């Protein structure tokens, strides 16, 4: 059963996971190419988890400067499709 506090906890958790994806984005410039590729996969998976947990600030996802590099990666394409489906569902 969903209660106000459990919904609030889920929203907080999804935002925490979203922020983790952003922090990993900022770590990328110092890493070599092979590690950057692994981080790209990790960032995409973390962002997908945030969406699964209920993160729905789609406007911020589209303009967050921390995610700029991720949005340019092929790994983001499937996430973009998922975000579009979630946006339609949300109305």
C-alpha atoms as a PDB file:
ATOM      1  CA  UNK A   1       0.000   0.000   0.000  1.00  0.00           C
ATOM      2  CA  UNK A   2       1.339   3.401  -0.965  1.00  0.00           C
ATOM      3  CA  UNK A   3       1.412   6.011   1.718  1.00  0.00           C
ATOM      4  CA  UNK A   4       2.470   9.617   1.468  1.00  0.00           C
ATOM      5  CA  UNK A   5       5.770   8.872   3.196  1.00  0.00           C
ATOM      6  CA  UNK A   6       6.541   5.847   0.996  1.00  0.00           C
ATOM      7  CA  UNK A   7       5.860   7.915  -2.162  1.00  0.00           C
ATOM      8  CA  UNK A   8       8.054  10.691  -0.791  1.00  0.00           C
ATOM      9  CA  UNK A   9      10.825   8.193  -0.032  1.00  0.00           C
ATOM     10  CA  UNK A  10      10.650   6.805  -3.585  1.00  0.00           C
ATOM     11  CA  UNK A  11      10.852  10.287  -5.100  1.00  0.00           C
ATOM     12  CA  UNK A  12      13.815  11.122  -2.870  1.00  0.00           C
ATOM     13  CA  UNK A  13      15.522   7.841  -3.806  1.00  0.00           C
ATOM     14  CA  UNK A  14      15.031   8.417  -7.535  1.00  0.00           C
ATOM     15  CA  UNK A  15      16.462  11.935  -7.217  1.00  0.00           C
ATOM     16  CA  UNK A  16      19.473  10.561  -5.310  1.00  0.00           C
ATOM     17  CA  UNK A  17      20.158   8.054  -8.089  1.00  0.00           C
ATOM     18  CA  UNK A  18      19.772  10.823 -10.705  1.00  0.00           C
ATOM     19  CA  UNK A  19      22.338  12.963  -8.857  1.00  0.00           C
ATOM     20  CA  UNK A  20      24.735  10.009  -8.780  1.00  0.00           C
ATOM     21  CA  UNK A  21      24.552   9.794 -12.590  1.00  0.00           C
ATOM     22  CA  UNK A  22      25.370  13.506 -12.757  1.00  0.00           C
ATOM     23  CA  UNK A  23      28.355  13.180 -10.414  1.00  0.00           C
ATOM     24  CA  UNK A  24      29.779  10.353 -12.531  1.00  0.00           C
ATOM     25  CA  UNK A  25      29.419  12.563 -15.597  1.00  0.00           C
ATOM     26  CA  UNK A  26      31.639  15.193 -14.011  1.00  0.00           C
ATOM     27  CA  UNK A  27      34.347  12.612 -13.310  1.00  0.00           C
ATOM     28  CA  UNK A  28      34.761  11.664 -16.972  1.00  0.00           C
ATOM     29  CA  UNK A  29      37.240  14.225 -18.331  1.00  0.00           C
ATOM     30  CA  UNK A  30      40.085  12.868 -16.228  1.00  0.00           C
ATOM     31  CA  UNK A  31      39.611   9.250 -17.279  1.00  0.00           C
ATOM     32  CA  UNK A  32      41.100   7.435 -20.230  1.00  0.00           C
ATOM     33  CA  UNK A  33      38.993   6.331 -23.195  1.00  0.00           C
ATOM     34  CA  UNK A  34      38.378   2.747 -22.088  1.00  0.00           C
ATOM     35  CA  UNK A  35      37.272   3.768 -18.627  1.00  0.00           C
ATOM     36  CA  UNK A  36      35.114   6.572 -20.075  1.00  0.00           C
ATOM     37  CA  UNK A  37      33.256   3.978 -22.128  1.00  0.00           C
ATOM     38  CA  UNK A  38      32.551   1.964 -18.986  1.00  0.00           C
ATOM     39  CA  UNK A  39      31.403   5.095 -17.187  1.00  0.00           C
ATOM     40  CA  UNK A  40      29.069   5.958 -20.062  1.00  0.00           C
ATOM     41  CA  UNK A  41      27.423   2.567 -19.671  1.00  0.00           C
ATOM     42  CA  UNK A  42      27.255   3.033 -15.908  1.00  0.00           C
ATOM     43  CA  UNK A  43      25.779   6.540 -16.217  1.00  0.00           C
ATOM     44  CA  UNK A  44      23.113   5.329 -18.640  1.00  0.00           C
ATOM     45  CA  UNK A  45      22.237   2.407 -16.354  1.00  0.00           C
ATOM     46  CA  UNK A  46      22.069   4.704 -13.340  1.00  0.00           C
ATOM     47  CA  UNK A  47      19.831   7.163 -15.144  1.00  0.00           C
ATOM     48  CA  UNK A  48      17.605   4.286 -16.250  1.00  0.00           C
ATOM     49  CA  UNK A  49      17.391   3.153 -12.622  1.00  0.00           C
ATOM     50  CA  UNK A  50      16.386   6.673 -11.548  1.00  0.00           C
ATOM     51  CA  UNK A  51      13.575   6.568 -14.115  1.00  0.00           C
ATOM     52  CA  UNK A  52      12.522   3.125 -12.919  1.00  0.00           C
ATOM     53  CA  UNK A  53      12.409   4.464  -9.354  1.00  0.00           C
ATOM     54  CA  UNK A  54      10.109   7.274 -10.410  1.00  0.00           C
ATOM     55  CA  UNK A  55      12.306  10.209 -11.435  1.00  0.00           C
ATOM     56  CA  UNK A  56      10.103  12.295 -13.738  1.00  0.00           C
ATOM     57  CA  UNK A  57      11.632  15.756 -14.101  1.00  0.00           C
ATOM     58  CA  UNK A  58      11.772  15.427 -17.888  1.00  0.00           C
ATOM     59  CA  UNK A  59      12.380  19.129 -18.484  1.00  0.00           C
ATOM     60  CA  UNK A  60      15.520  18.992 -16.347  1.00  0.00           C
ATOM     61  CA  UNK A  61      16.712  15.771 -18.009  1.00  0.00           C
ATOM     62  CA  UNK A  62      16.624  17.587 -21.347  1.00  0.00           C
ATOM     63  CA  UNK A  63      18.708  20.555 -20.191  1.00  0.00           C
ATOM     64  CA  UNK A  64      20.837  19.373 -17.245  1.00  0.00           C
ATOM     65  CA  UNK A  65      24.400  20.379 -18.172  1.00  0.00           C
ATOM     66  CA  UNK A  66      25.795  17.434 -16.188  1.00  0.00           C
ATOM     67  CA  UNK A  67      24.151  15.059 -18.664  1.00  0.00           C
ATOM     68  CA  UNK A  68      25.224  16.897 -21.823  1.00  0.00           C
ATOM     69  CA  UNK A  69      27.984  14.407 -22.663  1.00  0.00           C
ATOM     70  CA  UNK A  70      25.737  11.431 -21.953  1.00  0.00           C
ATOM     71  CA  UNK A  71      23.003  12.798 -24.232  1.00  0.00           C
ATOM     72  CA  UNK A  72      25.555  12.807 -27.075  1.00  0.00           C
ATOM     73  CA  UNK A  73      26.364   9.098 -26.617  1.00  0.00           C
ATOM     74  CA  UNK A  74      24.724   6.174 -28.435  1.00  0.00           C
ATOM     75  CA  UNK A  75      23.893   4.643 -25.027  1.00  0.00           C
ATOM     76  CA  UNK A  76      21.457   7.501 -24.474  1.00  0.00           C
ATOM     77  CA  UNK A  77      19.316   6.659 -27.524  1.00  0.00           C
ATOM     78  CA  UNK A  78      17.405   3.837 -25.839  1.00  0.00           C
ATOM     79  CA  UNK A  79      17.017   5.980 -22.744  1.00  0.00           C
ATOM     80  CA  UNK A  80      15.634   8.802 -24.858  1.00  0.00           C
ATOM     81  CA  UNK A  81      13.000   6.448 -26.257  1.00  0.00           C
ATOM     82  CA  UNK A  82      12.114   5.308 -22.745  1.00  0.00           C
ATOM     83  CA  UNK A  83      11.889   8.930 -21.558  1.00  0.00           C
ATOM     84  CA  UNK A  84       9.556   9.748 -24.486  1.00  0.00           C
ATOM     85  CA  UNK A  85       7.284   6.809 -23.562  1.00  0.00           C
ATOM     86  CA  UNK A  86       7.235   7.881 -19.905  1.00  0.00           C
ATOM     87  CA  UNK A  87       6.431  11.475 -20.895  1.00  0.00           C
ATOM     88  CA  UNK A  88       3.465  10.298 -22.961  1.00  0.00           C
ATOM     89  CA  UNK A  89       2.280   8.111 -20.095  1.00  0.00           C
ATOM     90  CA  UNK A  90       2.542  10.996 -17.635  1.00  0.00           C
ATOM     91  CA  UNK A  91       0.387  13.119 -19.931  1.00  0.00           C
END
